[in-house]
Amino acid sequence: MATKQGKKKQRGGEIPKPVLYLRELRKYLREVVYELRKVVWPSRKETIGTTVVVLIVVLVFGIYLGIVDSILSRVVRFLIE
């Protein structure tokens, strides 16, 4: 006689799904808090420095792409006319 593995019935019957979902949610949130405690957060100085670098790089690439776009637009207009 084959038995079903993986599904166990409890003595009082099955646990309602909403209760199982709440247990899983609480477990998940507990694990999230545990992991966040292990994170090494950057200092304010590091955050500002990194942000400034990112803004400068974005500005430089924006100017570069703007110039390339302008040149290519003029080339295409010249070829069409």
N, C-alpha and C. Protein backbone atom coordinates (compact mmCIF):
# COMPACT_ATOMS: atom_id res chain seq x y z
N MET A 1 0.85 -1.18 0.00
CA MET A 1 0.00 0.00 0.00
C MET A 1 0.90 1.25 0.00
N ALA A 2 0.69 2.11 -0.96
CA ALA A 2 1.51 3.31 -1.09
C ALA A 2 0.99 4.38 -0.14
N THR A 3 1.93 5.12 0.45
CA THR A 3 1.54 6.22 1.34
C THR A 3 1.93 7.53 0.68
N LYS A 4 1.16 8.56 0.99
CA LYS A 4 1.46 9.89 0.44
C LYS A 4 2.52 10.54 1.33
N GLN A 5 3.61 10.91 0.71
CA GLN A 5 4.65 11.60 1.46
C GLN A 5 4.57 13.08 1.17
N GLY A 6 4.94 13.88 2.13
CA GLY A 6 4.95 15.32 1.93
C GLY A 6 3.72 16.00 2.52
N LYS A 7 2.61 15.30 2.62
CA LYS A 7 1.42 15.90 3.20
C LYS A 7 1.11 15.16 4.49
N LYS A 8 1.20 15.87 5.59
CA LYS A 8 0.91 15.27 6.87
C LYS A 8 -0.34 15.92 7.44
N LYS A 9 -1.21 15.12 7.96
CA LYS A 9 -2.39 15.66 8.61
C LYS A 9 -2.11 15.79 10.10
N GLN A 10 -2.58 16.86 10.66
CA GLN A 10 -2.45 17.04 12.09
C GLN A 10 -3.63 16.40 12.78
N ARG A 11 -3.51 16.17 14.08
CA ARG A 11 -4.56 15.50 14.82
C ARG A 11 -5.88 16.24 14.76
N GLY A 12 -5.86 17.53 14.84
CA GLY A 12 -7.09 18.32 14.85
C GLY A 12 -7.59 18.63 13.46
N GLY A 13 -7.00 18.08 12.44
CA GLY A 13 -7.39 18.41 11.08
C GLY A 13 -6.34 19.31 10.45
N GLU A 14 -6.64 19.81 9.27
CA GLU A 14 -5.70 20.67 8.57
C GLU A 14 -5.76 22.09 9.11
N ILE A 15 -4.63 22.78 9.02
CA ILE A 15 -4.56 24.17 9.46
C ILE A 15 -5.11 25.02 8.33
N PRO A 16 -6.00 25.98 8.64
CA PRO A 16 -6.57 26.84 7.58
C PRO A 16 -5.48 27.59 6.82
N LYS A 17 -5.70 27.79 5.52
CA LYS A 17 -4.70 28.46 4.68
C LYS A 17 -4.34 29.85 5.17
N PRO A 18 -5.30 30.70 5.58
CA PRO A 18 -4.90 32.03 6.06
C PRO A 18 -3.92 31.97 7.22
N VAL A 19 -4.09 30.99 8.10
CA VAL A 19 -3.17 30.85 9.23
C VAL A 19 -1.78 30.46 8.72
N LEU A 20 -1.72 29.56 7.75
CA LEU A 20 -0.43 29.17 7.18
C LEU A 20 0.25 30.35 6.49
N TYR A 21 -0.53 31.14 5.75
CA TYR A 21 0.03 32.31 5.08
C TYR A 21 0.58 33.31 6.09
N LEU A 22 -0.14 33.52 7.18
CA LEU A 22 0.34 34.45 8.21
C LEU A 22 1.63 33.93 8.85
N ARG A 23 1.70 32.64 9.10
CA ARG A 23 2.93 32.06 9.67
C ARG A 23 4.10 32.27 8.73
N GLU A 24 3.88 32.00 7.45
CA GLU A 24 4.95 32.16 6.46
C GLU A 24 5.37 33.63 6.34
N LEU A 25 4.38 34.53 6.38
CA LEU A 25 4.69 35.96 6.30
C LEU A 25 5.52 36.40 7.50
N ARG A 26 5.13 35.96 8.70
CA ARG A 26 5.88 36.32 9.90
C ARG A 26 7.30 35.76 9.84
N LYS A 27 7.44 34.53 9.37
CA LYS A 27 8.76 33.91 9.23
C LYS A 27 9.61 34.71 8.24
N TYR A 28 9.01 35.07 7.11
CA TYR A 28 9.72 35.84 6.08
C TYR A 28 10.19 37.19 6.64
N LEU A 29 9.29 37.90 7.32
CA LEU A 29 9.64 39.21 7.86
C LEU A 29 10.73 39.10 8.94
N ARG A 30 10.67 38.05 9.74
CA ARG A 30 11.70 37.82 10.75
C ARG A 30 13.06 37.62 10.09
N GLU A 31 13.09 36.86 8.99
CA GLU A 31 14.34 36.63 8.27
C GLU A 31 14.85 37.90 7.60
N VAL A 32 13.94 38.73 7.11
CA VAL A 32 14.33 40.01 6.49
C VAL A 32 15.02 40.90 7.52
N VAL A 33 14.41 41.01 8.71
CA VAL A 33 15.01 41.83 9.77
C VAL A 33 16.38 41.29 10.15
N TYR A 34 16.50 39.96 10.25
CA TYR A 34 17.78 39.35 10.59
C TYR A 34 18.85 39.69 9.55
N GLU A 35 18.50 39.61 8.28
CA GLU A 35 19.46 39.92 7.22
C GLU A 35 19.83 41.40 7.21
N LEU A 36 18.85 42.27 7.45
CA LEU A 36 19.13 43.70 7.45
C LEU A 36 20.08 44.10 8.58
N ARG A 37 20.06 43.35 9.67
CA ARG A 37 20.99 43.64 10.77
C ARG A 37 22.43 43.32 10.38
N LYS A 38 22.63 42.44 9.40
CA LYS A 38 23.97 42.08 8.97
C LYS A 38 24.53 43.04 7.92
N VAL A 39 23.71 43.91 7.38
CA VAL A 39 24.15 44.83 6.32
C VAL A 39 25.08 45.89 6.90
N VAL A 40 26.16 46.16 6.19
CA VAL A 40 27.07 47.24 6.57
C VAL A 40 26.69 48.46 5.73
N TRP A 41 26.05 49.43 6.36
CA TRP A 41 25.57 50.60 5.64
C TRP A 41 26.70 51.60 5.45
N PRO A 42 26.75 52.28 4.27
CA PRO A 42 27.80 53.27 4.05
C PRO A 42 27.56 54.51 4.91
N SER A 43 28.65 55.21 5.18
CA SER A 43 28.53 56.44 5.95
C SER A 43 27.93 57.54 5.08
N ARG A 44 27.55 58.63 5.72
CA ARG A 44 26.98 59.76 4.98
C ARG A 44 28.00 60.31 3.97
N LYS A 45 29.27 60.38 4.40
CA LYS A 45 30.32 60.90 3.53
C LYS A 45 30.50 60.01 2.30
N GLU A 46 30.51 58.69 2.48
CA GLU A 46 30.64 57.77 1.35
C GLU A 46 29.45 57.88 0.40
N THR A 47 28.25 58.01 0.96
CA THR A 47 27.05 58.12 0.14
C THR A 47 27.08 59.39 -0.70
N ILE A 48 27.45 60.51 -0.10
CA ILE A 48 27.51 61.78 -0.84
C ILE A 48 28.58 61.71 -1.93
N GLY A 49 29.75 61.15 -1.59
CA GLY A 49 30.83 61.04 -2.57
C GLY A 49 30.42 60.18 -3.76
N THR A 50 29.80 59.05 -3.49
CA THR A 50 29.37 58.17 -4.57
C THR A 50 28.30 58.84 -5.43
N THR A 51 27.38 59.54 -4.79
CA THR A 51 26.31 60.23 -5.52
C THR A 51 26.89 61.30 -6.44
N VAL A 52 27.87 62.04 -5.96
CA VAL A 52 28.50 63.08 -6.79
C VAL A 52 29.20 62.45 -8.00
N VAL A 53 29.89 61.35 -7.79
CA VAL A 53 30.57 60.67 -8.90
C VAL A 53 29.55 60.21 -9.94
N VAL A 54 28.45 59.62 -9.49
CA VAL A 54 27.42 59.15 -10.42
C VAL A 54 26.83 60.32 -11.20
N LEU A 55 26.53 61.42 -10.55
CA LEU A 55 25.97 62.59 -11.24
C LEU A 55 26.93 63.15 -12.27
N ILE A 56 28.22 63.20 -11.94
CA ILE A 56 29.22 63.72 -12.89
C ILE A 56 29.31 62.80 -14.11
N VAL A 57 29.35 61.48 -13.88
CA VAL A 57 29.43 60.52 -14.99
C VAL A 57 28.20 60.64 -15.88
N VAL A 58 27.02 60.75 -15.29
CA VAL A 58 25.79 60.89 -16.07
C VAL A 58 25.83 62.17 -16.89
N LEU A 59 26.29 63.26 -16.30
CA LEU A 59 26.38 64.54 -17.01
C LEU A 59 27.35 64.45 -18.18
N VAL A 60 28.52 63.84 -17.96
CA VAL A 60 29.52 63.72 -19.03
C VAL A 60 28.98 62.86 -20.18
N PHE A 61 28.38 61.71 -19.85
CA PHE A 61 27.83 60.87 -20.91
C PHE A 61 26.65 61.53 -21.61
N GLY A 62 25.86 62.29 -20.88
CA GLY A 62 24.75 63.01 -21.50
C GLY A 62 25.25 64.02 -22.52
N ILE A 63 26.29 64.77 -22.16
CA ILE A 63 26.86 65.75 -23.08
C ILE A 63 27.46 65.04 -24.30
N TYR A 64 28.20 63.95 -24.06
CA TYR A 64 28.80 63.18 -25.15
C TYR A 64 27.73 62.66 -26.11
N LEU A 65 26.70 62.03 -25.57
CA LEU A 65 25.64 61.50 -26.43
C LEU A 65 24.88 62.61 -27.16
N GLY A 66 24.74 63.76 -26.51
CA GLY A 66 24.10 64.90 -27.17
C GLY A 66 24.91 65.38 -28.37
N ILE A 67 26.21 65.45 -28.21
CA ILE A 67 27.08 65.87 -29.31
C ILE A 67 27.05 64.85 -30.45
N VAL A 68 27.15 63.56 -30.11
CA VAL A 68 27.12 62.51 -31.14
C VAL A 68 25.78 62.54 -31.87
N ASP A 69 24.69 62.70 -31.14
CA ASP A 69 23.36 62.75 -31.75
C ASP A 69 23.25 63.94 -32.70
N SER A 70 23.77 65.08 -32.28
CA SER A 70 23.72 66.28 -33.13
C SER A 70 24.51 66.07 -34.43
N ILE A 71 25.69 65.49 -34.30
CA ILE A 71 26.51 65.25 -35.49
C ILE A 71 25.82 64.26 -36.43
N LEU A 72 25.31 63.16 -35.88
CA LEU A 72 24.65 62.17 -36.73
C LEU A 72 23.38 62.72 -37.36
N SER A 73 22.65 63.57 -36.65
CA SER A 73 21.45 64.19 -37.22
C SER A 73 21.81 65.06 -38.42
N ARG A 74 22.88 65.82 -38.30
CA ARG A 74 23.30 66.67 -39.42
C ARG A 74 23.76 65.83 -40.61
N VAL A 75 24.45 64.72 -40.32
CA VAL A 75 24.90 63.84 -41.41
C VAL A 75 23.70 63.25 -42.13
N VAL A 76 22.70 62.80 -41.40
CA VAL A 76 21.51 62.21 -42.01
C VAL A 76 20.76 63.26 -42.81
N ARG A 77 20.61 64.46 -42.25
CA ARG A 77 19.93 65.54 -42.99
C ARG A 77 20.67 65.86 -44.28
N PHE A 78 22.01 65.88 -44.25
CA PHE A 78 22.81 66.16 -45.42
C PHE A 78 22.60 65.08 -46.49
N LEU A 79 22.52 63.81 -46.06
CA LEU A 79 22.35 62.71 -46.99
C LEU A 79 20.95 62.70 -47.59
N ILE A 80 19.96 63.11 -46.84
CA ILE A 80 18.57 63.11 -47.33
C ILE A 80 18.36 64.23 -48.33
N GLU A 81 18.90 65.39 -48.09
CA GLU A 81 18.67 66.55 -48.96
C GLU A 81 19.44 66.50 -50.21
